[in-house]
C-alpha cells in the first residue's frame, strides 16, 4: 500500500468505513436476525409459496410480482447506525385527529351497517354489510371514533386492494414506512404479515414449544413472531395510532388474534396506584437494533423514546395504560428493581385479565373475500396465535397511521369514571 493510499484510508472516519463495509458486503447486514438470509428487493422464493387468494388480490390491484414477492427495502435504504434510524420521521408535522370531527352518535356509519355486533362488554365490535373501500370521509371519521371507543373494529367479507388500504391509512394519519420490514411491491407503507414466509425464507426458527416464550420474559426469550403481547411502533416520536390489518389468506381454524384494552387495564388498578402512575414517564425501545456510532463494536443498540406511562386519548379524553412487555424497559425516576417490579405487574394486568380482552376468528363468510381489523395502538396491546403451525396459509397486509405526540392530561378521566361505571374497591386490603 502506498503512502498516498494510507493517507486516504486514514481520512475516512471509522463509522463511515464500517458503513461502507456493511453496505458493500453480501453477507453482512444490520437490523436483521442472525439466521436471516439477508434478501433485499423482490424475492422469487416468496412467490413460490404465495397463497392463490393473496396472489389474485395483488394481481387484481395491479401489483407487479413478476420478479418475486414480497419486496424488502434496498440495503442502501436500511439504517446502519441508531442515530440515523431514530431520525426517520423525527420531524414536526401536523396531525389531525379525525375522530374529533365525528358525529358522536355515528349515524352515517352505524346507520349504513346491516348489523352492529359488540363482541365483548369492554372491547371489540364487528360491523356487518359495509365495504371499507366505499366509506365516505364522514364515515371514516365516525369509524375512527368507534375504534377510539371500542379499541378494535372488525369487517368481514371485504374486497379491498392494498392500494385502497394505503389510501385509507393516509386519511387517518402519516403512514409508517418501515426501513426493514417486507412490503408489498411498489407500495411502501403496506407491510406484509406472513409468518410462513418469515419461517421458511428468513429462518425465524419458530416451533410449537418456543413461539410463546417471550410472554414470560421478553428479554431472555427471543420474540420470533407476533405471538408476544405488544403495541406497534412505540419507538416512534409519534407512535402508532390506527393500524389496519387485512387478511386475504386465512386458516380454516386457528391463527386468531387477541387484543386487550388499555382503558380497562388502567381501570383495573387501585385508585391510589393510579395516582402514583399518573404523570410518570417510561422508556420505550425499537424492535430492531442498530450500531452505536460512538461504539460500533459494542453490539446492537435500540432506538429509545420517552413517553407517558399513562396517556390520554385525544378523542375520548379517557386515560389508558401505555406499556407493553417487549418494548417498555423502565420507568423514569425509579430504581431498576422498583421499575421492573411495577412494569411486570402492569404487563400482567394487560395480559391476564380475560374480561378486558377479545379474541377474533378471522374467517370470512364468503369465499374469496378478506377480513379486516382496525385498532388503536394508543389504547391497546395485541398478539396473534400460531396454533395452525403453518399448515394452513395465513397472509395479510398491514397499514399503520402514526398519531400525535403522546400526552397525559391530569384533568382527564378513566373510561369507567367517564361512563359512570362502578369503581368499587371493597375487596381491596
Foldseek 3Di string as FASTA:
>chain_A
DDPVVVVVVVVDDPLVVVVVVQLPDCQHAFFADPQFNPDAAADAVQVVPDDPLRVVLCVVVVFDQVPHDWHWHRRVLADFAQVVVQPVVPDDDDADQLLQVADPVLCVQQVQFPDWAAQADQAEIETHDDEPLPDDSRNLNNVSNVQVRRFKYKYFQYSDHVVSVQVSLVSNADWDFDNGATAHHPDGQKGKQFVLCCVPNGVLPDDPPQQQVCCVPVVVHPNSHQAFKDFPAPLHQQRFFKKKKKKSFADPDFWKKKKFWQLVLLLVDAPVVNVVQAPWKFKWWDPTFHAHSVCRPPDTDTRIDIARQWFADPNPLAIGGQDERNTTQFIPPDDNVVGVVVRVVSNCSRVVDCNRMDIDRFDHPDPSGIMMMMGTSRTMIMGITCPVVPPGTIMIIMITHGHDRTDGDPPGHRPCVVVVHDSDDVVPD
